[in-house]
Amino acid sequence: MDMQAANDPRIIDAIWSITAMLDYTDKIAAVVTEELVDWRPEMPDGSYSFSVGEQLKHIADYRAYVAEMLSGEKAGYVRWAADYPGRDQPWQFREGSLTEIIERLQFSRSLIQPWLEQGFSTLLMPTVGTQGSYTQQLSALREKGEDTAALEAAGPGSLVSAILFLVAHENGHRSVLQTMLRLAGAPVERLA
């Protein structure tokens, strides 16, 4: 990661809502109890829905995924979810206690935090990880003899695109989690 210039505000200072959204997820996670961790809504059509604990596991996995994508390195994070099963199959999550779920949520947050403390001027720049991924994708397309023009025009991903993805993804899952917990009778604090 690049060093921050003295006159360059940190991303989390310039865009305070990023921290507010991540903190709000953590506050909501704190109201989950052992009795609620396996609760899931019954869908009218009988389809699959994440449980409360699976929502938290999924959020933690994506925090770690984004951090690893940005760095291009594995962070020693063990994912909760197995590989994506497709739209028609239920997700498979490994077992874990509520304490472990909360610890992994906090750990994955710690992986994201250094990226949010980067200088604001770094937002539009690619990272080591996004540059590496871009180079690999170009090579794979060239090996297959496929057109690379669209990928080359887009260029490597930027830090801001990853942060926006993380916040949008987490906001969606946190909203569902809030609703689930309220339906289950948990005292969920309102953000505003």
N, C-alpha and C. Protein backbone atom coordinates (compact mmCIF):
# COMPACT_ATOMS: atom_id res chain seq x y z
N MET A 1 0.83 -1.18 0.00
CA MET A 1 0.00 0.00 0.00
C MET A 1 0.87 1.25 0.00
N ASP A 2 0.43 2.27 -0.65
CA ASP A 2 1.18 3.52 -0.73
C ASP A 2 1.10 4.29 0.58
N MET A 3 2.14 5.06 0.81
CA MET A 3 2.13 5.93 1.99
C MET A 3 1.23 7.13 1.71
N GLN A 4 0.61 7.60 2.73
CA GLN A 4 -0.33 8.72 2.61
C GLN A 4 0.42 10.04 2.71
N ALA A 5 0.15 10.95 1.78
CA ALA A 5 0.76 12.28 1.83
C ALA A 5 0.20 13.06 3.02
N ALA A 6 1.01 13.94 3.57
CA ALA A 6 0.61 14.69 4.77
C ALA A 6 -0.65 15.53 4.55
N ASN A 7 -0.85 16.06 3.34
CA ASN A 7 -2.01 16.92 3.08
C ASN A 7 -3.15 16.16 2.39
N ASP A 8 -3.09 14.85 2.41
CA ASP A 8 -4.09 14.01 1.74
C ASP A 8 -4.96 13.35 2.82
N PRO A 9 -6.23 13.75 2.96
CA PRO A 9 -7.07 13.15 4.00
C PRO A 9 -7.27 11.65 3.74
N ARG A 10 -7.47 10.92 4.82
CA ARG A 10 -7.76 9.49 4.67
C ARG A 10 -9.14 9.32 4.03
N ILE A 11 -9.32 8.21 3.35
CA ILE A 11 -10.60 7.91 2.72
C ILE A 11 -11.72 7.96 3.75
N ILE A 12 -11.50 7.34 4.91
CA ILE A 12 -12.57 7.28 5.92
C ILE A 12 -12.87 8.64 6.54
N ASP A 13 -11.95 9.59 6.43
CA ASP A 13 -12.23 10.94 6.91
C ASP A 13 -12.96 11.74 5.83
N ALA A 14 -12.60 11.51 4.58
CA ALA A 14 -13.22 12.25 3.48
C ALA A 14 -14.61 11.71 3.16
N ILE A 15 -14.81 10.40 3.34
CA ILE A 15 -16.12 9.77 3.07
C ILE A 15 -16.53 9.04 4.35
N TRP A 16 -17.02 9.80 5.32
CA TRP A 16 -17.32 9.27 6.66
C TRP A 16 -18.36 8.15 6.62
N SER A 17 -19.22 8.14 5.61
CA SER A 17 -20.31 7.15 5.58
C SER A 17 -19.80 5.72 5.43
N ILE A 18 -18.60 5.54 4.88
CA ILE A 18 -18.07 4.17 4.75
C ILE A 18 -17.92 3.54 6.13
N THR A 19 -17.26 4.25 7.03
CA THR A 19 -17.08 3.74 8.38
C THR A 19 -18.42 3.60 9.10
N ALA A 20 -19.31 4.57 8.90
CA ALA A 20 -20.62 4.50 9.56
C ALA A 20 -21.38 3.25 9.14
N MET A 21 -21.30 2.88 7.88
CA MET A 21 -22.02 1.70 7.39
C MET A 21 -21.40 0.41 7.93
N LEU A 22 -20.09 0.32 7.91
CA LEU A 22 -19.43 -0.88 8.44
C LEU A 22 -19.66 -1.00 9.95
N ASP A 23 -19.57 0.12 10.66
CA ASP A 23 -19.82 0.12 12.10
C ASP A 23 -21.26 -0.31 12.41
N TYR A 24 -22.19 0.13 11.58
CA TYR A 24 -23.60 -0.22 11.82
C TYR A 24 -23.81 -1.73 11.67
N THR A 25 -23.16 -2.34 10.70
CA THR A 25 -23.23 -3.81 10.58
C THR A 25 -22.73 -4.46 11.85
N ASP A 26 -21.61 -3.97 12.36
CA ASP A 26 -21.03 -4.55 13.58
C ASP A 26 -21.95 -4.37 14.78
N LYS A 27 -22.63 -3.22 14.87
CA LYS A 27 -23.58 -2.98 15.97
C LYS A 27 -24.76 -3.95 15.88
N ILE A 28 -25.24 -4.16 14.68
CA ILE A 28 -26.37 -5.09 14.50
C ILE A 28 -25.93 -6.51 14.84
N ALA A 29 -24.73 -6.88 14.44
CA ALA A 29 -24.22 -8.22 14.75
C ALA A 29 -24.16 -8.44 16.26
N ALA A 30 -23.91 -7.38 17.02
CA ALA A 30 -23.79 -7.49 18.47
C ALA A 30 -25.09 -7.86 19.17
N VAL A 31 -26.25 -7.67 18.51
CA VAL A 31 -27.52 -8.04 19.14
C VAL A 31 -27.93 -9.49 18.86
N VAL A 32 -27.16 -10.16 18.00
CA VAL A 32 -27.49 -11.56 17.69
C VAL A 32 -27.17 -12.43 18.90
N THR A 33 -28.09 -13.29 19.25
CA THR A 33 -27.91 -14.21 20.38
C THR A 33 -27.82 -15.64 19.86
N GLU A 34 -27.43 -16.54 20.76
CA GLU A 34 -27.36 -17.97 20.40
C GLU A 34 -28.71 -18.47 19.90
N GLU A 35 -29.79 -17.94 20.47
CA GLU A 35 -31.14 -18.37 20.08
C GLU A 35 -31.50 -17.88 18.68
N LEU A 36 -30.90 -16.78 18.25
CA LEU A 36 -31.25 -16.18 16.96
C LEU A 36 -30.31 -16.57 15.81
N VAL A 37 -29.14 -17.08 16.12
CA VAL A 37 -28.13 -17.28 15.08
C VAL A 37 -28.59 -18.24 13.97
N ASP A 38 -29.41 -19.22 14.29
CA ASP A 38 -29.88 -20.17 13.28
C ASP A 38 -31.27 -19.83 12.74
N TRP A 39 -31.85 -18.71 13.20
CA TRP A 39 -33.19 -18.35 12.75
C TRP A 39 -33.16 -17.95 11.28
N ARG A 40 -34.12 -18.45 10.52
CA ARG A 40 -34.27 -18.04 9.13
C ARG A 40 -35.76 -17.90 8.83
N PRO A 41 -36.12 -16.97 7.99
CA PRO A 41 -37.54 -16.81 7.66
C PRO A 41 -38.04 -17.98 6.83
N GLU A 42 -39.30 -18.29 7.01
CA GLU A 42 -39.92 -19.29 6.15
C GLU A 42 -40.41 -18.56 4.91
N MET A 43 -39.92 -18.98 3.77
CA MET A 43 -40.32 -18.35 2.52
C MET A 43 -41.65 -18.96 2.07
N PRO A 44 -42.60 -18.14 1.63
CA PRO A 44 -43.91 -18.65 1.21
C PRO A 44 -43.83 -19.74 0.16
N ASP A 45 -42.85 -19.65 -0.74
CA ASP A 45 -42.73 -20.67 -1.79
C ASP A 45 -41.82 -21.83 -1.39
N GLY A 46 -41.35 -21.81 -0.12
CA GLY A 46 -40.49 -22.89 0.37
C GLY A 46 -39.04 -22.80 -0.07
N SER A 47 -38.67 -21.69 -0.69
CA SER A 47 -37.30 -21.55 -1.18
C SER A 47 -36.33 -21.26 -0.03
N TYR A 48 -35.06 -21.38 -0.35
CA TYR A 48 -33.97 -21.21 0.61
C TYR A 48 -33.75 -19.74 0.96
N SER A 49 -33.40 -19.49 2.21
CA SER A 49 -33.01 -18.17 2.67
C SER A 49 -31.87 -18.33 3.66
N PHE A 50 -30.92 -17.38 3.65
CA PHE A 50 -29.86 -17.40 4.66
C PHE A 50 -30.48 -17.30 6.05
N SER A 51 -29.84 -17.93 7.02
CA SER A 51 -30.17 -17.72 8.42
C SER A 51 -29.49 -16.42 8.88
N VAL A 52 -29.80 -15.99 10.09
CA VAL A 52 -29.14 -14.81 10.66
C VAL A 52 -27.62 -15.02 10.66
N GLY A 53 -27.17 -16.15 11.17
CA GLY A 53 -25.74 -16.43 11.22
C GLY A 53 -25.11 -16.50 9.85
N GLU A 54 -25.83 -17.05 8.88
CA GLU A 54 -25.29 -17.14 7.52
C GLU A 54 -25.17 -15.76 6.88
N GLN A 55 -26.07 -14.85 7.21
CA GLN A 55 -25.92 -13.47 6.73
C GLN A 55 -24.60 -12.88 7.24
N LEU A 56 -24.33 -13.08 8.54
CA LEU A 56 -23.09 -12.56 9.12
C LEU A 56 -21.86 -13.23 8.51
N LYS A 57 -21.94 -14.53 8.31
CA LYS A 57 -20.83 -15.27 7.69
C LYS A 57 -20.55 -14.74 6.29
N HIS A 58 -21.60 -14.50 5.54
CA HIS A 58 -21.46 -14.01 4.17
C HIS A 58 -20.84 -12.61 4.15
N ILE A 59 -21.28 -11.75 5.04
CA ILE A 59 -20.71 -10.41 5.14
C ILE A 59 -19.21 -10.50 5.46
N ALA A 60 -18.86 -11.34 6.42
CA ALA A 60 -17.45 -11.50 6.79
C ALA A 60 -16.64 -12.01 5.61
N ASP A 61 -17.17 -13.01 4.89
CA ASP A 61 -16.46 -13.55 3.73
C ASP A 61 -16.18 -12.48 2.69
N TYR A 62 -17.16 -11.61 2.45
CA TYR A 62 -16.96 -10.60 1.42
C TYR A 62 -16.03 -9.48 1.85
N ARG A 63 -15.98 -9.17 3.13
CA ARG A 63 -14.99 -8.21 3.60
C ARG A 63 -13.59 -8.76 3.30
N ALA A 64 -13.38 -10.03 3.65
CA ALA A 64 -12.07 -10.65 3.42
C ALA A 64 -11.77 -10.77 1.93
N TYR A 65 -12.77 -11.14 1.15
CA TYR A 65 -12.60 -11.26 -0.30
C TYR A 65 -12.11 -9.95 -0.91
N VAL A 66 -12.74 -8.84 -0.55
CA VAL A 66 -12.35 -7.54 -1.09
C VAL A 66 -10.93 -7.19 -0.66
N ALA A 67 -10.60 -7.42 0.60
CA ALA A 67 -9.25 -7.12 1.08
C ALA A 67 -8.20 -7.95 0.33
N GLU A 68 -8.49 -9.22 0.11
CA GLU A 68 -7.55 -10.07 -0.62
C GLU A 68 -7.45 -9.67 -2.08
N MET A 69 -8.56 -9.26 -2.67
CA MET A 69 -8.57 -8.81 -4.06
C MET A 69 -7.70 -7.56 -4.21
N LEU A 70 -7.79 -6.65 -3.25
CA LEU A 70 -7.01 -5.43 -3.32
C LEU A 70 -5.52 -5.67 -3.13
N SER A 71 -5.18 -6.57 -2.22
CA SER A 71 -3.77 -6.82 -1.92
C SER A 71 -3.14 -7.81 -2.88
N GLY A 72 -3.96 -8.70 -3.44
CA GLY A 72 -3.42 -9.76 -4.29
C GLY A 72 -2.79 -10.88 -3.48
N GLU A 73 -3.01 -10.88 -2.18
CA GLU A 73 -2.43 -11.88 -1.29
C GLU A 73 -3.50 -12.51 -0.41
N LYS A 74 -3.29 -13.76 -0.06
CA LYS A 74 -4.18 -14.43 0.89
C LYS A 74 -3.91 -13.88 2.28
N ALA A 75 -4.98 -13.75 3.06
CA ALA A 75 -4.87 -13.11 4.37
C ALA A 75 -5.00 -14.08 5.53
N GLY A 76 -4.97 -15.37 5.26
CA GLY A 76 -5.15 -16.34 6.34
C GLY A 76 -6.58 -16.42 6.81
N TYR A 77 -7.49 -16.00 5.98
CA TYR A 77 -8.91 -16.03 6.30
C TYR A 77 -9.51 -17.31 5.73
N VAL A 78 -10.23 -18.05 6.58
CA VAL A 78 -10.91 -19.27 6.12
C VAL A 78 -12.37 -18.93 5.88
N ARG A 79 -12.78 -19.07 4.62
CA ARG A 79 -14.15 -18.70 4.25
C ARG A 79 -15.17 -19.58 4.95
N TRP A 80 -16.32 -18.98 5.23
CA TRP A 80 -17.45 -19.72 5.79
C TRP A 80 -18.18 -20.51 4.70
N ALA A 81 -18.33 -19.90 3.54
CA ALA A 81 -19.15 -20.50 2.48
C ALA A 81 -18.32 -21.38 1.56
N ALA A 82 -18.93 -22.46 1.12
CA ALA A 82 -18.34 -23.27 0.06
C ALA A 82 -18.49 -22.50 -1.24
N ASP A 83 -18.00 -23.06 -2.34
CA ASP A 83 -18.12 -22.39 -3.63
C ASP A 83 -19.59 -22.12 -3.96
N TYR A 84 -19.80 -21.05 -4.67
CA TYR A 84 -21.15 -20.62 -5.05
C TYR A 84 -21.87 -21.77 -5.78
N PRO A 85 -23.04 -22.17 -5.28
CA PRO A 85 -23.73 -23.33 -5.86
C PRO A 85 -24.65 -22.99 -7.04
N GLY A 86 -24.79 -21.74 -7.37
CA GLY A 86 -25.73 -21.34 -8.42
C GLY A 86 -27.03 -20.86 -7.80
N ARG A 87 -27.89 -20.30 -8.62
CA ARG A 87 -29.13 -19.69 -8.12
C ARG A 87 -30.14 -20.70 -7.59
N ASP A 88 -30.10 -21.91 -8.08
CA ASP A 88 -31.15 -22.88 -7.73
C ASP A 88 -30.79 -23.79 -6.56
N GLN A 89 -29.62 -23.63 -5.98
CA GLN A 89 -29.18 -24.50 -4.90
C GLN A 89 -28.90 -23.68 -3.64
N PRO A 90 -29.17 -24.25 -2.46
CA PRO A 90 -28.82 -23.53 -1.22
C PRO A 90 -27.31 -23.43 -1.03
N TRP A 91 -26.89 -22.35 -0.44
CA TRP A 91 -25.48 -22.17 -0.11
C TRP A 91 -25.12 -23.15 1.01
N GLN A 92 -23.87 -23.55 1.05
CA GLN A 92 -23.36 -24.40 2.11
C GLN A 92 -22.33 -23.61 2.92
N PHE A 93 -22.56 -23.54 4.23
CA PHE A 93 -21.65 -22.83 5.13
C PHE A 93 -21.08 -23.81 6.14
N ARG A 94 -19.81 -23.63 6.49
CA ARG A 94 -19.24 -24.47 7.54
C ARG A 94 -19.82 -24.05 8.89
N GLU A 95 -19.78 -24.97 9.83
CA GLU A 95 -20.31 -24.72 11.17
C GLU A 95 -19.37 -23.80 11.94
N GLY A 96 -19.92 -23.11 12.92
CA GLY A 96 -19.13 -22.25 13.79
C GLY A 96 -20.03 -21.63 14.85
N SER A 97 -19.45 -21.36 15.99
CA SER A 97 -20.22 -20.76 17.08
C SER A 97 -20.48 -19.28 16.80
N LEU A 98 -21.42 -18.71 17.52
CA LEU A 98 -21.68 -17.29 17.39
C LEU A 98 -20.43 -16.48 17.74
N THR A 99 -19.71 -16.91 18.74
CA THR A 99 -18.47 -16.21 19.12
C THR A 99 -17.48 -16.21 17.95
N GLU A 100 -17.34 -17.36 17.29
CA GLU A 100 -16.42 -17.45 16.16
C GLU A 100 -16.91 -16.57 15.00
N ILE A 101 -18.20 -16.54 14.77
CA ILE A 101 -18.75 -15.71 13.69
C ILE A 101 -18.41 -14.24 13.94
N ILE A 102 -18.62 -13.78 15.16
CA ILE A 102 -18.34 -12.38 15.50
C ILE A 102 -16.84 -12.09 15.40
N GLU A 103 -16.02 -13.02 15.86
CA GLU A 103 -14.56 -12.84 15.76
C GLU A 103 -14.11 -12.74 14.31
N ARG A 104 -14.67 -13.58 13.43
CA ARG A 104 -14.30 -13.56 12.01
C ARG A 104 -14.82 -12.30 11.33
N LEU A 105 -15.97 -11.81 11.76
CA LEU A 105 -16.49 -10.56 11.23
C LEU A 105 -15.54 -9.41 11.58
N GLN A 106 -15.06 -9.40 12.83
CA GLN A 106 -14.11 -8.37 13.26
C GLN A 106 -12.77 -8.52 12.55
N PHE A 107 -12.31 -9.77 12.38
CA PHE A 107 -11.04 -10.00 11.69
C PHE A 107 -11.11 -9.52 10.25
N SER A 108 -12.21 -9.84 9.56
CA SER A 108 -12.33 -9.41 8.17
C SER A 108 -12.42 -7.89 8.08
N ARG A 109 -13.02 -7.26 9.08
CA ARG A 109 -13.04 -5.79 9.13
C ARG A 109 -11.62 -5.26 9.27
N SER A 110 -10.79 -5.92 10.07
CA SER A 110 -9.42 -5.46 10.24
C SER A 110 -8.61 -5.58 8.95
N LEU A 111 -9.00 -6.49 8.08
CA LEU A 111 -8.32 -6.63 6.78
C LEU A 111 -8.67 -5.47 5.85
N ILE A 112 -9.88 -4.96 5.98
CA ILE A 112 -10.35 -3.85 5.14
C ILE A 112 -9.83 -2.50 5.65
N GLN A 113 -9.68 -2.36 6.94
CA GLN A 113 -9.37 -1.07 7.55
C GLN A 113 -8.16 -0.35 6.95
N PRO A 114 -7.03 -1.04 6.72
CA PRO A 114 -5.87 -0.31 6.15
C PRO A 114 -6.17 0.31 4.78
N TRP A 115 -7.04 -0.31 4.02
CA TRP A 115 -7.40 0.25 2.71
C TRP A 115 -8.22 1.52 2.87
N LEU A 116 -9.03 1.57 3.91
CA LEU A 116 -9.86 2.74 4.16
C LEU A 116 -9.05 3.89 4.74
N GLU A 117 -7.90 3.58 5.27
CA GLU A 117 -7.02 4.61 5.84
C GLU A 117 -6.03 5.16 4.82
N GLN A 118 -6.12 4.67 3.60
CA GLN A 118 -5.29 5.22 2.52
C GLN A 118 -5.68 6.68 2.28
N GLY A 119 -4.79 7.40 1.65
CA GLY A 119 -5.09 8.78 1.29
C GLY A 119 -6.19 8.84 0.23
N PHE A 120 -7.00 9.87 0.31
CA PHE A 120 -8.11 10.04 -0.61
C PHE A 120 -7.66 10.03 -2.07
N SER A 121 -6.46 10.52 -2.32
CA SER A 121 -5.95 10.59 -3.69
C SER A 121 -5.71 9.21 -4.30
N THR A 122 -5.70 8.17 -3.50
CA THR A 122 -5.46 6.82 -4.03
C THR A 122 -6.74 6.16 -4.56
N LEU A 123 -7.89 6.77 -4.34
CA LEU A 123 -9.17 6.13 -4.70
C LEU A 123 -9.27 5.71 -6.15
N LEU A 124 -8.78 6.51 -7.06
CA LEU A 124 -8.93 6.20 -8.48
C LEU A 124 -7.81 5.31 -9.03
N MET A 125 -6.89 4.95 -8.18
CA MET A 125 -5.74 4.16 -8.62
C MET A 125 -6.01 2.66 -8.50
N PRO A 126 -5.40 1.86 -9.40
CA PRO A 126 -5.45 0.41 -9.20
C PRO A 126 -4.54 0.05 -8.02
N THR A 127 -4.77 -1.11 -7.46
CA THR A 127 -3.91 -1.60 -6.38
C THR A 127 -3.02 -2.72 -6.94
N VAL A 128 -2.11 -3.20 -6.15
CA VAL A 128 -1.26 -4.31 -6.58
C VAL A 128 -2.12 -5.50 -6.97
N GLY A 129 -3.14 -5.76 -6.16
CA GLY A 129 -4.01 -6.90 -6.43
C GLY A 129 -4.86 -6.74 -7.67
N THR A 130 -5.45 -5.56 -7.87
CA THR A 130 -6.29 -5.37 -9.06
C THR A 130 -5.45 -5.33 -10.33
N GLN A 131 -4.24 -4.80 -10.22
CA GLN A 131 -3.32 -4.80 -11.37
C GLN A 131 -2.92 -6.23 -11.73
N GLY A 132 -2.63 -7.03 -10.72
CA GLY A 132 -2.26 -8.43 -10.96
C GLY A 132 -3.40 -9.22 -11.58
N SER A 133 -4.61 -9.01 -11.08
CA SER A 133 -5.78 -9.69 -11.62
C SER A 133 -6.02 -9.29 -13.08
N TYR A 134 -5.87 -8.03 -13.37
CA TYR A 134 -6.04 -7.51 -14.72
C TYR A 134 -5.03 -8.17 -15.67
N THR A 135 -3.79 -8.24 -15.26
CA THR A 135 -2.75 -8.85 -16.09
C THR A 135 -3.06 -10.32 -16.35
N GLN A 136 -3.52 -11.04 -15.32
CA GLN A 136 -3.89 -12.46 -15.48
C GLN A 136 -5.06 -12.62 -16.43
N GLN A 137 -6.07 -11.77 -16.31
CA GLN A 137 -7.23 -11.85 -17.20
C GLN A 137 -6.84 -11.59 -18.64
N LEU A 138 -5.98 -10.58 -18.86
CA LEU A 138 -5.51 -10.31 -20.22
C LEU A 138 -4.76 -11.51 -20.80
N SER A 139 -3.88 -12.09 -20.01
CA SER A 139 -3.11 -13.25 -20.47
C SER A 139 -4.02 -14.42 -20.83
N ALA A 140 -5.02 -14.67 -19.98
CA ALA A 140 -5.94 -15.78 -20.23
C ALA A 140 -6.73 -15.56 -21.52
N LEU A 141 -7.19 -14.34 -21.75
CA LEU A 141 -7.92 -14.04 -22.99
C LEU A 141 -7.02 -14.21 -24.21
N ARG A 142 -5.80 -13.73 -24.10
CA ARG A 142 -4.85 -13.84 -25.23
C ARG A 142 -4.52 -15.29 -25.54
N GLU A 143 -4.36 -16.11 -24.49
CA GLU A 143 -4.08 -17.54 -24.69
C GLU A 143 -5.21 -18.23 -25.45
N LYS A 144 -6.44 -17.80 -25.18
CA LYS A 144 -7.61 -18.38 -25.85
C LYS A 144 -7.85 -17.76 -27.22
N GLY A 145 -7.08 -16.73 -27.55
CA GLY A 145 -7.27 -16.05 -28.83
C GLY A 145 -8.49 -15.15 -28.86
N GLU A 146 -8.95 -14.74 -27.67
CA GLU A 146 -10.16 -13.91 -27.59
C GLU A 146 -9.79 -12.43 -27.63
N ASP A 147 -10.76 -11.62 -27.98
CA ASP A 147 -10.59 -10.18 -28.08
C ASP A 147 -10.38 -9.58 -26.68
N THR A 148 -9.37 -8.74 -26.54
CA THR A 148 -9.05 -8.12 -25.25
C THR A 148 -9.42 -6.64 -25.21
N ALA A 149 -10.02 -6.13 -26.27
CA ALA A 149 -10.26 -4.69 -26.38
C ALA A 149 -11.10 -4.14 -25.23
N ALA A 150 -12.18 -4.84 -24.89
CA ALA A 150 -13.06 -4.33 -23.82
C ALA A 150 -12.34 -4.29 -22.49
N LEU A 151 -11.58 -5.34 -22.18
CA LEU A 151 -10.84 -5.37 -20.92
C LEU A 151 -9.75 -4.31 -20.90
N GLU A 152 -9.06 -4.16 -22.02
CA GLU A 152 -8.01 -3.15 -22.09
C GLU A 152 -8.58 -1.74 -21.95
N ALA A 153 -9.76 -1.50 -22.52
CA ALA A 153 -10.40 -0.19 -22.40
C ALA A 153 -10.79 0.10 -20.95
N ALA A 154 -11.25 -0.94 -20.24
CA ALA A 154 -11.66 -0.76 -18.84
C ALA A 154 -10.45 -0.58 -17.94
N GLY A 155 -9.38 -1.29 -18.20
CA GLY A 155 -8.18 -1.21 -17.38
C GLY A 155 -8.36 -1.94 -16.06
N PRO A 156 -7.33 -1.93 -15.24
CA PRO A 156 -7.43 -2.60 -13.94
C PRO A 156 -8.40 -1.89 -13.01
N GLY A 157 -8.98 -2.64 -12.11
CA GLY A 157 -9.92 -2.07 -11.14
C GLY A 157 -9.25 -1.08 -10.22
N SER A 158 -10.02 -0.12 -9.75
CA SER A 158 -9.51 0.90 -8.85
C SER A 158 -9.92 0.60 -7.41
N LEU A 159 -9.28 1.27 -6.50
CA LEU A 159 -9.62 1.13 -5.09
C LEU A 159 -11.06 1.56 -4.84
N VAL A 160 -11.50 2.64 -5.47
CA VAL A 160 -12.86 3.12 -5.25
C VAL A 160 -13.90 2.11 -5.72
N SER A 161 -13.64 1.42 -6.83
CA SER A 161 -14.63 0.44 -7.30
C SER A 161 -14.77 -0.70 -6.30
N ALA A 162 -13.67 -1.10 -5.70
CA ALA A 162 -13.73 -2.17 -4.70
C ALA A 162 -14.45 -1.72 -3.44
N ILE A 163 -14.17 -0.50 -2.98
CA ILE A 163 -14.82 0.02 -1.78
C ILE A 163 -16.32 0.19 -2.02
N LEU A 164 -16.69 0.72 -3.18
CA LEU A 164 -18.11 0.88 -3.50
C LEU A 164 -18.81 -0.47 -3.56
N PHE A 165 -18.15 -1.46 -4.14
CA PHE A 165 -18.71 -2.81 -4.18
C PHE A 165 -18.92 -3.34 -2.76
N LEU A 166 -17.91 -3.20 -1.92
CA LEU A 166 -18.00 -3.69 -0.55
C LEU A 166 -19.17 -3.05 0.20
N VAL A 167 -19.26 -1.72 0.13
CA VAL A 167 -20.31 -1.01 0.87
C VAL A 167 -21.69 -1.36 0.33
N ALA A 168 -21.84 -1.41 -0.99
CA ALA A 168 -23.15 -1.76 -1.57
C ALA A 168 -23.55 -3.18 -1.20
N HIS A 169 -22.61 -4.11 -1.28
CA HIS A 169 -22.89 -5.50 -0.94
C HIS A 169 -23.29 -5.61 0.53
N GLU A 170 -22.50 -4.99 1.38
CA GLU A 170 -22.77 -5.08 2.82
C GLU A 170 -24.07 -4.39 3.20
N ASN A 171 -24.36 -3.24 2.59
CA ASN A 171 -25.61 -2.55 2.89
C ASN A 171 -26.81 -3.43 2.56
N GLY A 172 -26.76 -4.12 1.44
CA GLY A 172 -27.86 -5.00 1.06
C GLY A 172 -28.07 -6.12 2.06
N HIS A 173 -26.99 -6.80 2.42
CA HIS A 173 -27.10 -7.92 3.36
C HIS A 173 -27.43 -7.44 4.77
N ARG A 174 -26.90 -6.27 5.17
CA ARG A 174 -27.23 -5.75 6.48
C ARG A 174 -28.72 -5.39 6.57
N SER A 175 -29.27 -4.84 5.51
CA SER A 175 -30.70 -4.50 5.49
C SER A 175 -31.56 -5.74 5.68
N VAL A 176 -31.19 -6.81 4.99
CA VAL A 176 -31.92 -8.07 5.15
C VAL A 176 -31.75 -8.58 6.58
N LEU A 177 -30.52 -8.52 7.10
CA LEU A 177 -30.24 -8.96 8.47
C LEU A 177 -31.07 -8.17 9.48
N GLN A 178 -31.13 -6.84 9.31
CA GLN A 178 -31.94 -6.00 10.20
C GLN A 178 -33.39 -6.47 10.20
N THR A 179 -33.93 -6.67 9.01
CA THR A 179 -35.33 -7.08 8.89
C THR A 179 -35.55 -8.43 9.54
N MET A 180 -34.65 -9.37 9.29
CA MET A 180 -34.77 -10.70 9.89
C MET A 180 -34.77 -10.61 11.41
N LEU A 181 -33.84 -9.84 11.95
CA LEU A 181 -33.73 -9.73 13.40
C LEU A 181 -34.97 -9.05 14.00
N ARG A 182 -35.48 -8.05 13.33
CA ARG A 182 -36.70 -7.40 13.83
C ARG A 182 -37.88 -8.35 13.80
N LEU A 183 -37.98 -9.16 12.73
CA LEU A 183 -39.05 -10.15 12.65
C LEU A 183 -38.93 -11.20 13.76
N ALA A 184 -37.68 -11.47 14.15
CA ALA A 184 -37.44 -12.45 15.21
C ALA A 184 -37.53 -11.83 16.59
N GLY A 185 -37.80 -10.52 16.69
CA GLY A 185 -37.99 -9.86 17.97
C GLY A 185 -36.76 -9.28 18.62
N ALA A 186 -35.65 -9.18 17.87
CA ALA A 186 -34.42 -8.63 18.46
C ALA A 186 -34.45 -7.11 18.48
N PRO A 187 -33.84 -6.49 19.49
CA PRO A 187 -33.84 -5.03 19.62
C PRO A 187 -32.75 -4.40 18.73
N VAL A 188 -33.07 -4.20 17.47
CA VAL A 188 -32.10 -3.66 16.52
C VAL A 188 -32.14 -2.14 16.57
N GLU A 189 -30.99 -1.53 16.85
CA GLU A 189 -30.88 -0.08 16.91
C GLU A 189 -31.00 0.51 15.52
N ARG A 190 -31.72 1.61 15.41
CA ARG A 190 -31.84 2.30 14.14
C ARG A 190 -30.61 3.18 13.94
N LEU A 191 -30.15 3.28 12.70
CA LEU A 191 -29.00 4.14 12.41
C LEU A 191 -29.37 5.60 12.59
N ALA A 192 -30.56 5.96 12.14
CA ALA A 192 -30.99 7.36 12.25
C ALA A 192 -32.45 7.44 12.65
